[in-house]
Amino acid sequence: MTKTAIIVVSDLHINSTVAICPPAVNLDDGGTYHQSRTQSWLWRSMLDFTRQVESDTAGMRRILVVNGDLGELDTAKRSIQLITLNKATILKMVWEVLDPLAQDVDRMLFLRGTAAHTGKSSWLEEATANDSSISIRQSDDIASQWHYRGVCEGVRLDIAHHTSAGGYPWTRGGSALRLAAKTVWQYRVARRIDPPHLVIRSHNHHYQDSGGNYETHAILTPAWTTATEYMYRVGHENELSDIGGIVVACENGQYNV
């Protein structure tokens, strides 16, 4: 019986000066960008997460899911917190960050994120997915996806980047519950088909889990970035991102997060 581990990371925002990046980035003008103290901690956290994944999924087939906002292009020009504007350097940086996790995986799935972060039509995620020979492609011509519905070892999955989340501490925990309930309605009532066992969303940089309260289990994933200038400007100076990823082990129609 095959056992497959789905490893999900999202909201890496690579190329932001407050998000994860390699220890040193060689720029095209001959200069070098070095990690800040915060970025060094994020890098060590990613390596620690990678070691945990390797240990917890030993002997399993592995699929790495990158669930949107892989990089930071700041197309909305909200700040100057960018390492470089050179697209080639950004793509190289992306693969340096992904490489520790991607080395021993069997397949990769790239979901498209937000245009303000990864460009119109999320070209950065499409270009990165197209660079990988093990991408789960939407078609021969399209390497990344806006929305993935599929079955892994009998476990029905619904994965996409965007979802809403409560902005207050007393409402945030309900976001995963609302997503679970809404997903069940969209499948059972609107489509009249079986809903997914697990729905995964990202975008809000906070981990949430609906538990077993509904037929569908909803999870909102954490991130790999800290507060940007924009966060201070909109009054979220005391907000903390959750840092990390999730692993879902699937086997014979059952799963464990």
C-alpha atoms as a PDB file:
ATOM      1  CA  MET A   1       0.000   0.000   0.000  1.00  0.00           C
ATOM      2  CA  THR A   2       1.416   3.408  -1.021  1.00  0.00           C
ATOM      3  CA  LYS A   3       1.668   6.148   1.582  1.00  0.00           C
ATOM      4  CA  THR A   4       2.084   9.696   0.301  1.00  0.00           C
ATOM      5  CA  ALA A   5       3.117  12.809   2.219  1.00  0.00           C
ATOM      6  CA  ILE A   6       1.808  16.154   0.997  1.00  0.00           C
ATOM      7  CA  ILE A   7       4.155  18.901   2.211  1.00  0.00           C
ATOM      8  CA  VAL A   8       2.619  22.379   2.029  1.00  0.00           C
ATOM      9  CA  VAL A   9       4.440  25.698   2.278  1.00  0.00           C
ATOM     10  CA  SER A  10       3.050  29.066   1.249  1.00  0.00           C
ATOM     11  CA  ASP A  11       3.532  32.821   1.404  1.00  0.00           C
ATOM     12  CA  LEU A  12       7.321  32.700   1.211  1.00  0.00           C
ATOM     13  CA  HIS A  13       7.491  36.171  -0.398  1.00  0.00           C
ATOM     14  CA  ILE A  14      11.068  35.513  -1.537  1.00  0.00           C
ATOM     15  CA  ASN A  15      12.831  38.764  -2.526  1.00  0.00           C
ATOM     16  CA  SER A  16      11.263  40.716   0.337  1.00  0.00           C
ATOM     17  CA  THR A  17      13.779  42.064   2.829  1.00  0.00           C
ATOM     18  CA  VAL A  18      11.616  40.756   5.679  1.00  0.00           C
ATOM     19  CA  ALA A  19      10.940  37.264   4.244  1.00  0.00           C
ATOM     20  CA  ILE A  20      12.992  34.118   3.903  1.00  0.00           C
ATOM     21  CA  CYS A  21      16.020  34.279   1.593  1.00  0.00           C
ATOM     22  CA  PRO A  22      19.337  32.436   1.119  1.00  0.00           C
ATOM     23  CA  PRO A  23      22.307  33.415   3.341  1.00  0.00           C
ATOM     24  CA  ALA A  24      23.820  35.495   0.522  1.00  0.00           C
ATOM     25  CA  VAL A  25      22.400  36.739  -2.774  1.00  0.00           C
ATOM     26  CA  ASN A  26      24.856  37.732  -5.498  1.00  0.00           C
ATOM     27  CA  LEU A  27      23.391  40.678  -7.377  1.00  0.00           C
ATOM     28  CA  ASP A  28      23.849  41.347 -11.093  1.00  0.00           C
ATOM     29  CA  ASP A  29      25.871  44.528 -10.451  1.00  0.00           C
ATOM     30  CA  GLY A  30      28.559  42.649  -8.540  1.00  0.00           C
ATOM     31  CA  GLY A  31      27.246  43.429  -5.068  1.00  0.00           C
ATOM     32  CA  THR A  32      25.987  40.926  -2.490  1.00  0.00           C
ATOM     33  CA  TYR A  33      22.927  41.014  -0.274  1.00  0.00           C
ATOM     34  CA  HIS A  34      23.331  39.262   3.081  1.00  0.00           C
ATOM     35  CA  GLN A  35      20.524  37.967   5.302  1.00  0.00           C
ATOM     36  CA  SER A  36      19.264  40.195   8.094  1.00  0.00           C
ATOM     37  CA  ARG A  37      18.997  38.724  11.584  1.00  0.00           C
ATOM     38  CA  THR A  38      15.297  38.020  10.987  1.00  0.00           C
ATOM     39  CA  GLN A  39      15.991  36.348   7.642  1.00  0.00           C
ATOM     40  CA  SER A  40      18.713  34.232   9.215  1.00  0.00           C
ATOM     41  CA  TRP A  41      16.159  32.966  11.740  1.00  0.00           C
ATOM     42  CA  LEU A  42      13.650  32.225   8.960  1.00  0.00           C
ATOM     43  CA  TRP A  43      16.331  30.329   7.012  1.00  0.00           C
ATOM     44  CA  ARG A  44      17.265  28.229  10.066  1.00  0.00           C
ATOM     45  CA  SER A  45      13.562  27.582  10.675  1.00  0.00           C
ATOM     46  CA  MET A  46      13.148  26.319   7.102  1.00  0.00           C
ATOM     47  CA  LEU A  47      16.128  23.981   7.480  1.00  0.00           C
ATOM     48  CA  ASP A  48      14.639  22.727  10.764  1.00  0.00           C
ATOM     49  CA  PHE A  49      11.265  22.183   9.070  1.00  0.00           C
ATOM     50  CA  THR A  50      13.045  20.303   6.262  1.00  0.00           C
ATOM     51  CA  ARG A  51      14.750  17.987   8.761  1.00  0.00           C
ATOM     52  CA  GLN A  52      11.429  17.303  10.491  1.00  0.00           C
ATOM     53  CA  VAL A  53       9.763  16.548   7.160  1.00  0.00           C
ATOM     54  CA  GLU A  54      12.532  14.135   6.167  1.00  0.00           C
ATOM     55  CA  SER A  55      12.217  12.315   9.488  1.00  0.00           C
ATOM     56  CA  ASP A  56       8.423  12.224   9.643  1.00  0.00           C
ATOM     57  CA  THR A  57       7.935  11.131   6.018  1.00  0.00           C
ATOM     58  CA  ALA A  58      10.755   8.586   5.689  1.00  0.00           C
ATOM     59  CA  GLY A  59       9.757   5.840   3.254  1.00  0.00           C
ATOM     60  CA  MET A  60       6.763   7.786   1.896  1.00  0.00           C
ATOM     61  CA  ARG A  61       6.190   9.190  -1.553  1.00  0.00           C
ATOM     62  CA  ARG A  62       6.496  12.975  -1.222  1.00  0.00           C
ATOM     63  CA  ILE A  63       4.649  15.796  -2.983  1.00  0.00           C
ATOM     64  CA  LEU A  64       5.708  19.395  -2.295  1.00  0.00           C
ATOM     65  CA  VAL A  65       2.893  21.932  -2.639  1.00  0.00           C
ATOM     66  CA  VAL A  66       3.857  25.613  -2.930  1.00  0.00           C
ATOM     67  CA  ASN A  67       0.539  27.298  -2.261  1.00  0.00           C
ATOM     68  CA  GLY A  68       0.972  30.791  -3.681  1.00  0.00           C
ATOM     69  CA  ASP A  69       2.817  34.047  -3.003  1.00  0.00           C
ATOM     70  CA  LEU A  70       6.099  32.308  -3.637  1.00  0.00           C
ATOM     71  CA  GLY A  71       7.957  35.573  -4.228  1.00  0.00           C
ATOM     72  CA  GLU A  72       7.691  39.312  -3.720  1.00  0.00           C
ATOM     73  CA  LEU A  73       7.694  41.647  -6.724  1.00  0.00           C
ATOM     74  CA  ASP A  74       5.633  44.403  -5.059  1.00  0.00           C
ATOM     75  CA  THR A  75       3.900  45.275  -8.318  1.00  0.00           C
ATOM     76  CA  ALA A  76       1.642  47.634  -6.345  1.00  0.00           C
ATOM     77  CA  LYS A  77       4.780  49.594  -5.354  1.00  0.00           C
ATOM     78  CA  ARG A  78       3.804  49.779  -1.693  1.00  0.00           C
ATOM     79  CA  SER A  79       7.390  49.893  -0.371  1.00  0.00           C
ATOM     80  CA  ILE A  80      11.071  49.627  -1.277  1.00  0.00           C
ATOM     81  CA  GLN A  81      11.550  46.451   0.787  1.00  0.00           C
ATOM     82  CA  LEU A  82      12.907  44.424  -2.126  1.00  0.00           C
ATOM     83  CA  ILE A  83      16.279  42.762  -2.506  1.00  0.00           C
ATOM     84  CA  THR A  84      16.403  43.187  -6.289  1.00  0.00           C
ATOM     85  CA  LEU A  85      14.264  43.970  -9.349  1.00  0.00           C
ATOM     86  CA  ASN A  86      16.226  41.582 -11.565  1.00  0.00           C
ATOM     87  CA  LYS A  87      13.911  38.735 -12.572  1.00  0.00           C
ATOM     88  CA  ALA A  88      16.744  36.279 -13.207  1.00  0.00           C
ATOM     89  CA  THR A  89      18.168  36.889  -9.736  1.00  0.00           C
ATOM     90  CA  ILE A  90      14.725  36.459  -8.158  1.00  0.00           C
ATOM     91  CA  LEU A  91      14.191  33.111  -9.913  1.00  0.00           C
ATOM     92  CA  LYS A  92      17.604  31.920  -8.759  1.00  0.00           C
ATOM     93  CA  MET A  93      16.797  33.016  -5.204  1.00  0.00           C
ATOM     94  CA  VAL A  94      13.487  31.139  -5.328  1.00  0.00           C
ATOM     95  CA  TRP A  95      15.164  27.874  -6.215  1.00  0.00           C
ATOM     96  CA  GLU A  96      17.873  28.313  -3.579  1.00  0.00           C
ATOM     97  CA  VAL A  97      15.135  28.588  -0.937  1.00  0.00           C
ATOM     98  CA  LEU A  98      13.066  25.695  -2.307  1.00  0.00           C
ATOM     99  CA  ASP A  99      16.016  23.377  -2.940  1.00  0.00           C
ATOM    100  CA  PRO A 100      16.367  21.901   0.583  1.00  0.00           C
ATOM    101  CA  LEU A 101      12.697  20.840   0.557  1.00  0.00           C
ATOM    102  CA  ALA A 102      12.581  19.923  -3.134  1.00  0.00           C
ATOM    103  CA  GLN A 103      15.642  17.665  -3.228  1.00  0.00           C
ATOM    104  CA  ASP A 104      13.910  14.439  -2.203  1.00  0.00           C
ATOM    105  CA  VAL A 105      10.335  14.959  -3.406  1.00  0.00           C
ATOM    106  CA  ASP A 106       8.675  12.979  -6.171  1.00  0.00           C
ATOM    107  CA  ARG A 107       6.380  15.694  -7.490  1.00  0.00           C
ATOM    108  CA  MET A 108       5.786  19.439  -7.026  1.00  0.00           C
ATOM    109  CA  LEU A 109       2.538  21.383  -7.273  1.00  0.00           C
ATOM    110  CA  PHE A 110       2.600  25.175  -7.690  1.00  0.00           C
ATOM    111  CA  LEU A 111      -0.528  27.215  -6.952  1.00  0.00           C
ATOM    112  CA  ARG A 112      -0.788  30.808  -8.150  1.00  0.00           C
ATOM    113  CA  GLY A 113      -0.973  33.596  -5.580  1.00  0.00           C
ATOM    114  CA  THR A 114      -1.624  37.329  -5.617  1.00  0.00           C
ATOM    115  CA  ALA A 115      -0.755  39.553  -8.583  1.00  0.00           C
ATOM    116  CA  ALA A 116       0.524  42.312  -6.269  1.00  0.00           C
ATOM    117  CA  HIS A 117       3.172  39.872  -5.032  1.00  0.00           C
ATOM    118  CA  THR A 118       3.977  37.520  -7.910  1.00  0.00           C
ATOM    119  CA  GLY A 119       3.035  39.555 -10.989  1.00  0.00           C
ATOM    120  CA  LYS A 120       0.089  39.539 -13.370  1.00  0.00           C
ATOM    121  CA  SER A 121      -1.218  36.006 -13.905  1.00  0.00           C
ATOM    122  CA  SER A 122       1.271  35.087 -11.170  1.00  0.00           C
ATOM    123  CA  TRP A 123       4.030  34.777 -13.768  1.00  0.00           C
ATOM    124  CA  LEU A 124       6.663  34.085 -11.092  1.00  0.00           C
ATOM    125  CA  GLU A 125       4.904  30.896  -9.949  1.00  0.00           C
ATOM    126  CA  GLU A 126       4.293  29.865 -13.551  1.00  0.00           C
ATOM    127  CA  ALA A 127       7.948  30.432 -14.484  1.00  0.00           C
ATOM    128  CA  THR A 128       9.160  28.520 -11.419  1.00  0.00           C
ATOM    129  CA  ALA A 129       6.783  25.620 -12.047  1.00  0.00           C
ATOM    130  CA  ASN A 130       7.840  25.520 -15.683  1.00  0.00           C
ATOM    131  CA  ASP A 131      11.477  25.179 -14.578  1.00  0.00           C
ATOM    132  CA  SER A 132      10.700  21.950 -12.716  1.00  0.00           C
ATOM    133  CA  SER A 133      10.570  18.629 -14.532  1.00  0.00           C
ATOM    134  CA  ILE A 134       8.399  17.129 -11.766  1.00  0.00           C
ATOM    135  CA  SER A 135       5.646  19.768 -11.670  1.00  0.00           C
ATOM    136  CA  ILE A 136       2.050  18.559 -11.607  1.00  0.00           C
ATOM    137  CA  ARG A 137       0.981  20.609 -14.593  1.00  0.00           C
ATOM    138  CA  GLN A 138      -2.453  21.886 -15.477  1.00  0.00           C
ATOM    139  CA  SER A 139      -1.732  21.076 -19.135  1.00  0.00           C
ATOM    140  CA  ASP A 140       1.150  20.708 -21.555  1.00  0.00           C
ATOM    141  CA  ASP A 141       1.309  24.494 -21.867  1.00  0.00           C
ATOM    142  CA  ILE A 142       0.490  25.581 -18.296  1.00  0.00           C
ATOM    143  CA  ALA A 143       2.696  24.508 -15.393  1.00  0.00           C
ATOM    144  CA  SER A 144       0.990  26.144 -12.383  1.00  0.00           C
ATOM    145  CA  GLN A 145      -2.630  26.234 -11.267  1.00  0.00           C
ATOM    146  CA  TRP A 146      -5.097  28.640  -9.679  1.00  0.00           C
ATOM    147  CA  HIS A 147      -7.086  25.853  -8.060  1.00  0.00           C
ATOM    148  CA  TYR A 148      -6.270  22.173  -7.650  1.00  0.00           C
ATOM    149  CA  ARG A 149      -8.867  19.466  -7.120  1.00  0.00           C
ATOM    150  CA  GLY A 150      -7.529  15.951  -6.976  1.00  0.00           C
ATOM    151  CA  VAL A 151      -7.338  12.655  -5.119  1.00  0.00           C
ATOM    152  CA  CYS A 152      -4.235  11.404  -3.310  1.00  0.00           C
ATOM    153  CA  GLU A 153      -4.322   7.810  -2.028  1.00  0.00           C
ATOM    154  CA  GLY A 154      -8.106   8.032  -1.833  1.00  0.00           C
ATOM    155  CA  VAL A 155      -8.098  11.410  -0.040  1.00  0.00           C
ATOM    156  CA  ARG A 156     -10.055  14.128  -1.885  1.00  0.00           C
ATOM    157  CA  LEU A 157      -8.217  17.480  -1.907  1.00  0.00           C
ATOM    158  CA  ASP A 158      -9.168  21.072  -2.731  1.00  0.00           C
ATOM    159  CA  ILE A 159      -6.187  23.445  -2.701  1.00  0.00           C
ATOM    160  CA  ALA A 160      -5.946  27.134  -3.627  1.00  0.00           C
ATOM    161  CA  HIS A 161      -4.179  30.221  -2.325  1.00  0.00           C
ATOM    162  CA  HIS A 162      -6.818  32.802  -1.472  1.00  0.00           C
ATOM    163  CA  THR A 163      -9.335  32.885   1.332  1.00  0.00           C
ATOM    164  CA  SER A 164     -10.661  35.451   3.789  1.00  0.00           C
ATOM    165  CA  ALA A 165      -9.795  35.513   7.479  1.00  0.00           C
ATOM    166  CA  GLY A 166     -11.017  37.491  10.450  1.00  0.00           C
ATOM    167  CA  GLY A 167      -8.862  40.463  11.328  1.00  0.00           C
ATOM    168  CA  TYR A 168      -9.549  40.342  15.052  1.00  0.00           C
ATOM    169  CA  PRO A 169      -8.328  37.793  17.601  1.00  0.00           C
ATOM    170  CA  TRP A 170     -11.912  36.914  18.563  1.00  0.00           C
ATOM    171  CA  THR A 171     -12.947  36.233  14.952  1.00  0.00           C
ATOM    172  CA  ARG A 172      -9.823  34.674  13.448  1.00  0.00           C
ATOM    173  CA  GLY A 173     -10.434  31.152  14.747  1.00  0.00           C
ATOM    174  CA  GLY A 174     -13.749  31.026  12.911  1.00  0.00           C
ATOM    175  CA  SER A 175     -12.225  31.447   9.449  1.00  0.00           C
ATOM    176  CA  ALA A 176     -11.341  27.766   9.046  1.00  0.00           C
ATOM    177  CA  LEU A 177     -14.779  26.758  10.339  1.00  0.00           C
ATOM    178  CA  ARG A 178     -16.497  29.055   7.841  1.00  0.00           C
ATOM    179  CA  LEU A 179     -14.334  27.717   5.030  1.00  0.00           C
ATOM    180  CA  ALA A 180     -15.166  24.113   5.956  1.00  0.00           C
ATOM    181  CA  ALA A 181     -18.906  24.824   6.099  1.00  0.00           C
ATOM    182  CA  LYS A 182     -18.866  26.816   2.855  1.00  0.00           C
ATOM    183  CA  THR A 183     -16.921  24.096   1.039  1.00  0.00           C
ATOM    184  CA  VAL A 184     -19.392  21.401   2.104  1.00  0.00           C
ATOM    185  CA  TRP A 185     -22.283  23.560   0.837  1.00  0.00           C
ATOM    186  CA  GLN A 186     -20.521  24.332  -2.470  1.00  0.00           C
ATOM    187  CA  TYR A 187     -19.974  20.639  -3.187  1.00  0.00           C
ATOM    188  CA  ARG A 188     -22.998  18.916  -1.614  1.00  0.00           C
ATOM    189  CA  VAL A 189     -25.680  21.516  -2.398  1.00  0.00           C
ATOM    190  CA  ALA A 190     -24.431  23.485  -5.412  1.00  0.00           C
ATOM    191  CA  ARG A 191     -22.629  20.673  -7.270  1.00  0.00           C
ATOM    192  CA  ARG A 192     -24.318  17.619  -5.703  1.00  0.00           C
ATOM    193  CA  ILE A 193     -21.038  15.728  -5.456  1.00  0.00           C
ATOM    194  CA  ASP A 194     -18.942  14.473  -2.573  1.00  0.00           C
ATOM    195  CA  PRO A 195     -16.981  17.289  -0.892  1.00  0.00           C
ATOM    196  CA  PRO A 196     -13.215  17.081  -0.371  1.00  0.00           C
ATOM    197  CA  HIS A 197     -11.869  15.438   2.742  1.00  0.00           C
ATOM    198  CA  LEU A 198      -9.408  18.308   3.094  1.00  0.00           C
ATOM    199  CA  VAL A 199      -9.456  21.907   1.835  1.00  0.00           C
ATOM    200  CA  ILE A 200      -6.228  23.936   2.130  1.00  0.00           C
ATOM    201  CA  ARG A 201      -5.937  27.711   1.796  1.00  0.00           C
ATOM    202  CA  SER A 202      -3.222  30.286   2.562  1.00  0.00           C
ATOM    203  CA  HIS A 203      -2.742  34.059   2.036  1.00  0.00           C
ATOM    204  CA  ASN A 204      -3.413  35.320   5.575  1.00  0.00           C
ATOM    205  CA  HIS A 205      -0.147  34.163   7.214  1.00  0.00           C
ATOM    206  CA  HIS A 206      -1.995  32.545  10.152  1.00  0.00           C
ATOM    207  CA  TYR A 207      -2.454  28.841  10.849  1.00  0.00           C
ATOM    208  CA  GLN A 208      -6.031  27.735  11.442  1.00  0.00           C
ATOM    209  CA  ASP A 209      -7.650  24.310  11.619  1.00  0.00           C
ATOM    210  CA  SER A 210     -11.377  23.536  11.576  1.00  0.00           C
ATOM    211  CA  GLY A 211     -10.851  20.133  13.175  1.00  0.00           C
ATOM    212  CA  GLY A 212     -13.596  17.553  12.847  1.00  0.00           C
ATOM    213  CA  ASN A 213     -16.513  19.956  13.056  1.00  0.00           C
ATOM    214  CA  TYR A 214     -17.643  19.453   9.443  1.00  0.00           C
ATOM    215  CA  GLU A 215     -17.532  16.766   6.799  1.00  0.00           C
ATOM    216  CA  THR A 216     -14.681  18.731   5.169  1.00  0.00           C
ATOM    217  CA  HIS A 217     -11.570  19.537   7.187  1.00  0.00           C
ATOM    218  CA  ALA A 218     -10.221  23.043   6.446  1.00  0.00           C
ATOM    219  CA  ILE A 219      -6.673  24.224   7.109  1.00  0.00           C
ATOM    220  CA  LEU A 220      -5.193  27.701   6.625  1.00  0.00           C
ATOM    221  CA  THR A 221      -1.433  27.545   6.343  1.00  0.00           C
ATOM    222  CA  PRO A 222       1.289  29.637   8.028  1.00  0.00           C
ATOM    223  CA  ALA A 223       3.860  31.760   6.193  1.00  0.00           C
ATOM    224  CA  TRP A 224       7.589  32.475   5.840  1.00  0.00           C
ATOM    225  CA  THR A 225       7.607  36.258   6.215  1.00  0.00           C
ATOM    226  CA  THR A 226       7.362  38.852   8.959  1.00  0.00           C
ATOM    227  CA  ALA A 227       5.728  42.295   9.033  1.00  0.00           C
ATOM    228  CA  THR A 228       6.219  44.579   6.033  1.00  0.00           C
ATOM    229  CA  GLU A 229       5.959  48.360   5.809  1.00  0.00           C
ATOM    230  CA  TYR A 230       2.381  47.881   4.590  1.00  0.00           C
ATOM    231  CA  MET A 231       1.459  46.097   7.831  1.00  0.00           C
ATOM    232  CA  TYR A 232       2.524  49.108   9.859  1.00  0.00           C
ATOM    233  CA  ARG A 233       0.706  51.472   7.534  1.00  0.00           C
ATOM    234  CA  VAL A 234      -2.633  49.696   7.990  1.00  0.00           C
ATOM    235  CA  GLY A 235      -2.321  49.490  11.770  1.00  0.00           C
ATOM    236  CA  HIS A 236      -1.256  45.853  12.142  1.00  0.00           C
ATOM    237  CA  GLU A 237       1.987  46.639  13.955  1.00  0.00           C
ATOM    238  CA  ASN A 238       1.248  44.110  16.719  1.00  0.00           C
ATOM    239  CA  GLU A 239       0.302  41.278  14.372  1.00  0.00           C
ATOM    240  CA  LEU A 240       2.507  38.176  14.284  1.00  0.00           C
ATOM    241  CA  SER A 241       2.749  35.805  11.333  1.00  0.00           C
ATOM    242  CA  ASP A 242       2.710  32.090  12.036  1.00  0.00           C
ATOM    243  CA  ILE A 243       5.878  30.558  10.587  1.00  0.00           C
ATOM    244  CA  GLY A 244       6.011  27.018   9.205  1.00  0.00           C
ATOM    245  CA  GLY A 245       4.311  24.505   6.950  1.00  0.00           C
ATOM    246  CA  ILE A 246       2.053  21.469   7.182  1.00  0.00           C
ATOM    247  CA  VAL A 247       2.471  17.803   6.281  1.00  0.00           C
ATOM    248  CA  VAL A 248      -0.466  15.550   5.396  1.00  0.00           C
ATOM    249  CA  ALA A 249       0.172  11.800   5.295  1.00  0.00           C
ATOM    250  CA  CYS A 250      -2.364  10.054   3.023  1.00  0.00           C
ATOM    251  CA  GLU A 251      -3.011   6.321   2.831  1.00  0.00           C
ATOM    252  CA  ASN A 252      -6.006   4.196   1.799  1.00  0.00           C
ATOM    253  CA  GLY A 253      -8.525   7.037   1.977  1.00  0.00           C
ATOM    254  CA  GLN A 254      -7.312   8.213   5.386  1.00  0.00           C
ATOM    255  CA  TYR A 255      -5.036  11.099   6.277  1.00  0.00           C
ATOM    256  CA  ASN A 256      -3.132  12.521   9.225  1.00  0.00           C
ATOM    257  CA  VAL A 257      -2.018  16.162   9.521  1.00  0.00           C
END
